[in-house]
Amino acid sequence: MNPHSVFIVDDDPAMRDSLVLMLRGVGFRARAFASADDFLENLPTDKSACVVTDVRMPGVEGPELVRRLKTLRGDRWPVIVITGHADVPLAVQLMKAGVVDFIEKPFDPEQILDCVGRCIASLTSLEADRTARDEANSRLATLTTRERQVFDALIDGCSNKEIALRLEISPRTVEIFRAKVMTKMQASNLSTLVRMGMRAGDA
């Protein structure tokens, strides 16, 4: 079972049921809601998920749902819009609002599966990036003030000699601090350390 959920928001019972069955059939965790109002009132707590929603529904319609989800969940909840009322202005409006795809009814089931699959893959990648960033920041927090200065200088591309001049310490002392930094950051080489610095900087 895929760790990320897929939420279906559609007022058509047949469409809801068919999408849920199709998605569950290929291993996705799928759950359906009869309206955007129902979905927002019972908003799941998943950190990340893919949302497949219709455009024309009673109460809150697709475009407004997209805007609210963007505010509430950001890029952790990508939205795919399906509609039988497609037109160019609406498609442009929805894409600008942040939907990842706009699919017209009737559609090929494989089109939905492919689109959901790409959304889930992006979420998995995003989650891996966040985990790596959090780990880098956690390790960075263990450095002493001097070790952090050496770390920053290394990330800036400074040599041991340049770090020694910048911090007014001996090159030998730089080597000692550099070794401590590599150990605490669990970096096997300088390139790994630089990547950690870049991830931490994205926080």
C-alpha atoms as a PDB file:
ATOM      1  CA  MET A   1       0.000   0.000   0.000  1.00  0.00           C
ATOM      2  CA  ASN A   2       1.326   3.411  -0.954  1.00  0.00           C
ATOM      3  CA  PRO A   3       2.039   5.614   2.111  1.00  0.00           C
ATOM      4  CA  HIS A   4       0.416   8.654   0.502  1.00  0.00           C
ATOM      5  CA  SER A   5      -3.379   9.010   0.342  1.00  0.00           C
ATOM      6  CA  VAL A   6      -5.477  10.011  -2.663  1.00  0.00           C
ATOM      7  CA  PHE A   7      -8.669  11.950  -1.903  1.00  0.00           C
ATOM      8  CA  ILE A   8     -11.502  12.030  -4.438  1.00  0.00           C
ATOM      9  CA  VAL A   9     -13.890  15.011  -4.278  1.00  0.00           C
ATOM     10  CA  ASP A  10     -16.867  14.617  -6.642  1.00  0.00           C
ATOM     11  CA  ASP A  11     -20.656  14.942  -6.267  1.00  0.00           C
ATOM     12  CA  ASP A  12     -21.239  12.096  -8.767  1.00  0.00           C
ATOM     13  CA  PRO A  13     -21.517   8.838  -6.736  1.00  0.00           C
ATOM     14  CA  ALA A  14     -20.694   6.624  -9.723  1.00  0.00           C
ATOM     15  CA  MET A  15     -17.582   8.649 -10.514  1.00  0.00           C
ATOM     16  CA  ARG A  16     -16.459   8.584  -6.873  1.00  0.00           C
ATOM     17  CA  ASP A  17     -16.924   4.854  -6.567  1.00  0.00           C
ATOM     18  CA  SER A  18     -15.205   4.017  -9.839  1.00  0.00           C
ATOM     19  CA  LEU A  19     -12.181   6.201  -9.041  1.00  0.00           C
ATOM     20  CA  VAL A  20     -11.816   4.787  -5.541  1.00  0.00           C
ATOM     21  CA  LEU A  21     -12.046   1.202  -6.791  1.00  0.00           C
ATOM     22  CA  MET A  22      -9.585   1.866  -9.618  1.00  0.00           C
ATOM     23  CA  LEU A  23      -7.026   3.558  -7.358  1.00  0.00           C
ATOM     24  CA  ARG A  24      -7.309   0.977  -4.594  1.00  0.00           C
ATOM     25  CA  GLY A  25      -6.966  -1.728  -7.213  1.00  0.00           C
ATOM     26  CA  VAL A  26      -3.421  -0.569  -8.014  1.00  0.00           C
ATOM     27  CA  GLY A  27      -2.373  -0.079  -4.394  1.00  0.00           C
ATOM     28  CA  PHE A  28      -3.282   3.528  -3.567  1.00  0.00           C
ATOM     29  CA  ARG A  29      -5.021   4.497  -0.338  1.00  0.00           C
ATOM     30  CA  ALA A  30      -8.131   6.181  -1.733  1.00  0.00           C
ATOM     31  CA  ARG A  31     -11.002   7.892   0.081  1.00  0.00           C
ATOM     32  CA  ALA A  32     -13.948   9.802  -1.409  1.00  0.00           C
ATOM     33  CA  PHE A  33     -15.948  12.893  -0.418  1.00  0.00           C
ATOM     34  CA  ALA A  34     -19.302  13.969  -1.905  1.00  0.00           C
ATOM     35  CA  SER A  35     -18.514  17.678  -1.954  1.00  0.00           C
ATOM     36  CA  ALA A  36     -15.783  20.230  -1.336  1.00  0.00           C
ATOM     37  CA  ASP A  37     -17.718  21.415   1.728  1.00  0.00           C
ATOM     38  CA  ASP A  38     -17.702  17.872   3.158  1.00  0.00           C
ATOM     39  CA  PHE A  39     -14.003  17.537   2.385  1.00  0.00           C
ATOM     40  CA  LEU A  40     -13.061  20.847   4.019  1.00  0.00           C
ATOM     41  CA  GLU A  41     -15.236  20.175   7.071  1.00  0.00           C
ATOM     42  CA  ASN A  42     -13.619  16.765   7.549  1.00  0.00           C
ATOM     43  CA  LEU A  43     -10.169  17.632   6.221  1.00  0.00           C
ATOM     44  CA  PRO A  44      -7.809  14.679   6.742  1.00  0.00           C
ATOM     45  CA  THR A  45      -4.647  15.247   8.742  1.00  0.00           C
ATOM     46  CA  ASP A  46      -2.258  13.540   6.284  1.00  0.00           C
ATOM     47  CA  LYS A  47       1.003  15.475   5.944  1.00  0.00           C
ATOM     48  CA  SER A  48       0.973  14.819   2.212  1.00  0.00           C
ATOM     49  CA  ALA A  49      -1.683  13.559  -0.194  1.00  0.00           C
ATOM     50  CA  CYS A  50      -2.958  13.839  -3.748  1.00  0.00           C
ATOM     51  CA  VAL A  51      -6.408  15.352  -4.342  1.00  0.00           C
ATOM     52  CA  VAL A  52      -8.559  14.567  -7.393  1.00  0.00           C
ATOM     53  CA  THR A  53     -11.517  16.952  -7.594  1.00  0.00           C
ATOM     54  CA  ASP A  54     -14.347  17.836  -9.939  1.00  0.00           C
ATOM     55  CA  VAL A  55     -14.851  21.498 -10.892  1.00  0.00           C
ATOM     56  CA  ARG A  56     -18.632  21.946 -10.849  1.00  0.00           C
ATOM     57  CA  MET A  57     -20.111  20.903  -7.488  1.00  0.00           C
ATOM     58  CA  PRO A  58     -22.819  22.206  -5.136  1.00  0.00           C
ATOM     59  CA  GLY A  59     -21.460  24.681  -2.591  1.00  0.00           C
ATOM     60  CA  VAL A  60     -17.718  25.293  -2.812  1.00  0.00           C
ATOM     61  CA  GLU A  61     -16.559  24.561  -6.371  1.00  0.00           C
ATOM     62  CA  GLY A  62     -13.247  23.201  -7.627  1.00  0.00           C
ATOM     63  CA  PRO A  63     -11.358  26.479  -8.160  1.00  0.00           C
ATOM     64  CA  GLU A  64     -12.159  27.688  -4.631  1.00  0.00           C
ATOM     65  CA  LEU A  65     -11.189  24.287  -3.190  1.00  0.00           C
ATOM     66  CA  VAL A  66      -7.866  24.487  -5.013  1.00  0.00           C
ATOM     67  CA  ARG A  67      -7.185  27.944  -3.546  1.00  0.00           C
ATOM     68  CA  ARG A  68      -8.062  26.846  -0.021  1.00  0.00           C
ATOM     69  CA  LEU A  69      -5.952  23.695  -0.197  1.00  0.00           C
ATOM     70  CA  LYS A  70      -3.007  25.711  -1.511  1.00  0.00           C
ATOM     71  CA  THR A  71      -3.279  27.942   1.555  1.00  0.00           C
ATOM     72  CA  LEU A  72      -3.834  25.080   4.002  1.00  0.00           C
ATOM     73  CA  ARG A  73      -1.439  22.457   2.652  1.00  0.00           C
ATOM     74  CA  GLY A  74       0.797  24.097   0.035  1.00  0.00           C
ATOM     75  CA  ASP A  75       2.816  21.770  -2.195  1.00  0.00           C
ATOM     76  CA  ARG A  76       2.266  18.821   0.148  1.00  0.00           C
ATOM     77  CA  TRP A  77      -1.198  18.276  -1.365  1.00  0.00           C
ATOM     78  CA  PRO A  78      -1.021  18.495  -5.188  1.00  0.00           C
ATOM     79  CA  VAL A  79      -4.420  18.784  -6.889  1.00  0.00           C
ATOM     80  CA  ILE A  80      -5.654  17.156 -10.099  1.00  0.00           C
ATOM     81  CA  VAL A  81      -8.858  18.594 -11.577  1.00  0.00           C
ATOM     82  CA  ILE A  82     -11.321  16.543 -13.616  1.00  0.00           C
ATOM     83  CA  THR A  83     -14.271  18.172 -15.366  1.00  0.00           C
ATOM     84  CA  GLY A  84     -16.889  17.796 -18.047  1.00  0.00           C
ATOM     85  CA  HIS A  85     -17.039  21.560 -18.468  1.00  0.00           C
ATOM     86  CA  ALA A  86     -13.599  22.302 -19.785  1.00  0.00           C
ATOM     87  CA  ASP A  87     -12.755  25.592 -21.394  1.00  0.00           C
ATOM     88  CA  VAL A  88      -9.511  27.460 -21.947  1.00  0.00           C
ATOM     89  CA  PRO A  89     -10.086  30.338 -19.453  1.00  0.00           C
ATOM     90  CA  LEU A  90     -11.023  27.873 -16.697  1.00  0.00           C
ATOM     91  CA  ALA A  91      -8.018  25.675 -17.434  1.00  0.00           C
ATOM     92  CA  VAL A  92      -5.690  28.679 -17.275  1.00  0.00           C
ATOM     93  CA  GLN A  93      -7.329  29.870 -14.041  1.00  0.00           C
ATOM     94  CA  LEU A  94      -6.883  26.468 -12.412  1.00  0.00           C
ATOM     95  CA  MET A  95      -3.298  26.031 -13.563  1.00  0.00           C
ATOM     96  CA  LYS A  96      -2.449  29.475 -12.158  1.00  0.00           C
ATOM     97  CA  ALA A  97      -4.145  28.458  -8.909  1.00  0.00           C
ATOM     98  CA  GLY A  98      -1.661  25.602  -8.645  1.00  0.00           C
ATOM     99  CA  VAL A  99      -3.285  22.427  -9.993  1.00  0.00           C
ATOM    100  CA  VAL A 100      -0.829  19.896 -11.397  1.00  0.00           C
ATOM    101  CA  ASP A 101      -3.145  18.692 -14.176  1.00  0.00           C
ATOM    102  CA  PHE A 102      -6.514  19.391 -15.798  1.00  0.00           C
ATOM    103  CA  ILE A 103      -8.327  16.356 -17.197  1.00  0.00           C
ATOM    104  CA  GLU A 104     -11.504  16.454 -19.283  1.00  0.00           C
ATOM    105  CA  LYS A 105     -14.322  13.905 -18.963  1.00  0.00           C
ATOM    106  CA  PRO A 106     -14.678  11.357 -20.377  1.00  0.00           C
ATOM    107  CA  PHE A 107     -11.099  10.302 -19.726  1.00  0.00           C
ATOM    108  CA  ASP A 108      -9.009   7.188 -20.121  1.00  0.00           C
ATOM    109  CA  PRO A 109      -8.556   5.541 -16.691  1.00  0.00           C
ATOM    110  CA  GLU A 110      -4.859   5.164 -17.466  1.00  0.00           C
ATOM    111  CA  GLN A 111      -4.637   8.948 -17.749  1.00  0.00           C
ATOM    112  CA  ILE A 112      -5.806   9.356 -14.145  1.00  0.00           C
ATOM    113  CA  LEU A 113      -3.558   6.551 -12.893  1.00  0.00           C
ATOM    114  CA  ASP A 114      -0.551   8.041 -14.660  1.00  0.00           C
ATOM    115  CA  CYS A 115      -1.250  11.521 -13.303  1.00  0.00           C
ATOM    116  CA  VAL A 116      -1.829  10.309  -9.740  1.00  0.00           C
ATOM    117  CA  GLY A 117       1.291   8.171  -9.997  1.00  0.00           C
ATOM    118  CA  ARG A 118       3.367  11.208 -10.970  1.00  0.00           C
ATOM    119  CA  CYS A 119       1.900  13.225  -8.083  1.00  0.00           C
ATOM    120  CA  ILE A 120       2.697  10.486  -5.583  1.00  0.00           C
ATOM    121  CA  ALA A 121       6.227  10.124  -6.981  1.00  0.00           C
ATOM    122  CA  SER A 122       6.780  13.864  -6.543  1.00  0.00           C
ATOM    123  CA  LEU A 123       5.506  13.650  -2.958  1.00  0.00           C
ATOM    124  CA  THR A 124       7.876  10.768  -2.210  1.00  0.00           C
ATOM    125  CA  SER A 125      10.781  12.780  -3.612  1.00  0.00           C
ATOM    126  CA  LEU A 126       9.682  15.870  -1.683  1.00  0.00           C
ATOM    127  CA  GLU A 127       9.443  13.873   1.529  1.00  0.00           C
ATOM    128  CA  ALA A 128      12.931  12.444   0.994  1.00  0.00           C
ATOM    129  CA  ASP A 129      14.296  15.965   0.464  1.00  0.00           C
ATOM    130  CA  ARG A 130      12.613  17.199   3.642  1.00  0.00           C
ATOM    131  CA  THR A 131      13.949  14.253   5.637  1.00  0.00           C
ATOM    132  CA  ALA A 132      17.487  14.879   4.376  1.00  0.00           C
ATOM    133  CA  ARG A 133      17.146  18.597   5.171  1.00  0.00           C
ATOM    134  CA  ASP A 134      15.868  17.908   8.689  1.00  0.00           C
ATOM    135  CA  GLU A 135      18.715  15.463   9.322  1.00  0.00           C
ATOM    136  CA  ALA A 136      21.270  18.000   8.091  1.00  0.00           C
ATOM    137  CA  ASN A 137      19.846  20.704  10.345  1.00  0.00           C
ATOM    138  CA  SER A 138      19.747  18.337  13.300  1.00  0.00           C
ATOM    139  CA  ARG A 139      23.420  17.462  12.856  1.00  0.00           C
ATOM    140  CA  LEU A 140      24.299  21.100  12.262  1.00  0.00           C
ATOM    141  CA  ALA A 141      22.784  21.974  15.637  1.00  0.00           C
ATOM    142  CA  THR A 142      25.354  19.741  17.360  1.00  0.00           C
ATOM    143  CA  LEU A 143      28.317  21.818  16.146  1.00  0.00           C
ATOM    144  CA  THR A 144      30.076  24.195  18.514  1.00  0.00           C
ATOM    145  CA  THR A 145      30.467  27.845  17.522  1.00  0.00           C
ATOM    146  CA  ARG A 146      33.995  27.266  16.208  1.00  0.00           C
ATOM    147  CA  GLU A 147      32.991  24.073  14.390  1.00  0.00           C
ATOM    148  CA  ARG A 148      30.128  25.972  12.754  1.00  0.00           C
ATOM    149  CA  GLN A 149      32.559  28.666  11.606  1.00  0.00           C
ATOM    150  CA  VAL A 150      34.759  26.012  10.026  1.00  0.00           C
ATOM    151  CA  PHE A 151      31.705  24.345   8.474  1.00  0.00           C
ATOM    152  CA  ASP A 152      30.528  27.644   6.950  1.00  0.00           C
ATOM    153  CA  ALA A 153      33.997  28.340   5.573  1.00  0.00           C
ATOM    154  CA  LEU A 154      34.187  24.874   4.019  1.00  0.00           C
ATOM    155  CA  ILE A 155      30.763  25.368   2.407  1.00  0.00           C
ATOM    156  CA  ASP A 156      32.034  28.686   1.050  1.00  0.00           C
ATOM    157  CA  GLY A 157      34.812  26.747  -0.677  1.00  0.00           C
ATOM    158  CA  CYS A 158      37.695  27.918   1.515  1.00  0.00           C
ATOM    159  CA  SER A 159      40.873  25.881   1.819  1.00  0.00           C
ATOM    160  CA  ASN A 160      42.362  25.013   5.215  1.00  0.00           C
ATOM    161  CA  LYS A 161      44.862  27.846   4.821  1.00  0.00           C
ATOM    162  CA  GLU A 162      42.123  30.343   3.965  1.00  0.00           C
ATOM    163  CA  ILE A 163      40.044  29.183   6.929  1.00  0.00           C
ATOM    164  CA  ALA A 164      43.059  29.584   9.194  1.00  0.00           C
ATOM    165  CA  LEU A 165      43.494  33.173   8.020  1.00  0.00           C
ATOM    166  CA  ARG A 166      39.778  33.939   8.298  1.00  0.00           C
ATOM    167  CA  LEU A 167      39.497  32.577  11.845  1.00  0.00           C
ATOM    168  CA  GLU A 168      43.004  33.555  12.929  1.00  0.00           C
ATOM    169  CA  ILE A 169      43.945  30.039  13.987  1.00  0.00           C
ATOM    170  CA  SER A 170      46.644  27.652  12.808  1.00  0.00           C
ATOM    171  CA  PRO A 171      46.132  25.346   9.807  1.00  0.00           C
ATOM    172  CA  ARG A 172      46.685  22.391  12.161  1.00  0.00           C
ATOM    173  CA  THR A 173      43.823  23.599  14.367  1.00  0.00           C
ATOM    174  CA  VAL A 174      41.653  23.926  11.279  1.00  0.00           C
ATOM    175  CA  GLU A 175      42.380  20.296  10.424  1.00  0.00           C
ATOM    176  CA  ILE A 176      41.282  19.223  13.906  1.00  0.00           C
ATOM    177  CA  PHE A 177      38.031  21.182  13.705  1.00  0.00           C
ATOM    178  CA  ARG A 178      37.441  20.009  10.145  1.00  0.00           C
ATOM    179  CA  ALA A 179      37.708  16.382  11.277  1.00  0.00           C
ATOM    180  CA  LYS A 180      35.222  17.047  14.096  1.00  0.00           C
ATOM    181  CA  VAL A 181      32.816  18.685  11.671  1.00  0.00           C
ATOM    182  CA  MET A 182      32.993  15.743   9.259  1.00  0.00           C
ATOM    183  CA  THR A 183      32.344  13.304  12.115  1.00  0.00           C
ATOM    184  CA  LYS A 184      29.416  15.199  13.639  1.00  0.00           C
ATOM    185  CA  MET A 185      27.822  15.819  10.249  1.00  0.00           C
ATOM    186  CA  GLN A 186      28.393  12.154   9.307  1.00  0.00           C
ATOM    187  CA  ALA A 187      29.895  13.282   6.001  1.00  0.00           C
ATOM    188  CA  SER A 188      32.234  10.846   4.257  1.00  0.00           C
ATOM    189  CA  ASN A 189      33.766  13.543   2.060  1.00  0.00           C
ATOM    190  CA  LEU A 190      33.664  17.252   1.274  1.00  0.00           C
ATOM    191  CA  SER A 191      31.066  16.954  -1.501  1.00  0.00           C
ATOM    192  CA  THR A 192      28.675  15.240   0.898  1.00  0.00           C
ATOM    193  CA  LEU A 193      29.258  18.010   3.432  1.00  0.00           C
ATOM    194  CA  VAL A 194      28.532  20.679   0.809  1.00  0.00           C
ATOM    195  CA  ARG A 195      25.275  18.945  -0.160  1.00  0.00           C
ATOM    196  CA  MET A 196      24.268  18.909   3.518  1.00  0.00           C
ATOM    197  CA  GLY A 197      25.011  22.611   3.726  1.00  0.00           C
ATOM    198  CA  MET A 198      22.853  23.279   0.682  1.00  0.00           C
ATOM    199  CA  ARG A 199      19.975  21.244   2.124  1.00  0.00           C
ATOM    200  CA  ALA A 200      20.221  23.008   5.477  1.00  0.00           C
ATOM    201  CA  GLY A 201      20.161  26.327   3.650  1.00  0.00           C
ATOM    202  CA  ASP A 202      16.818  25.378   2.069  1.00  0.00           C
ATOM    203  CA  ALA A 203      15.114  25.135   5.428  1.00  0.00           C
END
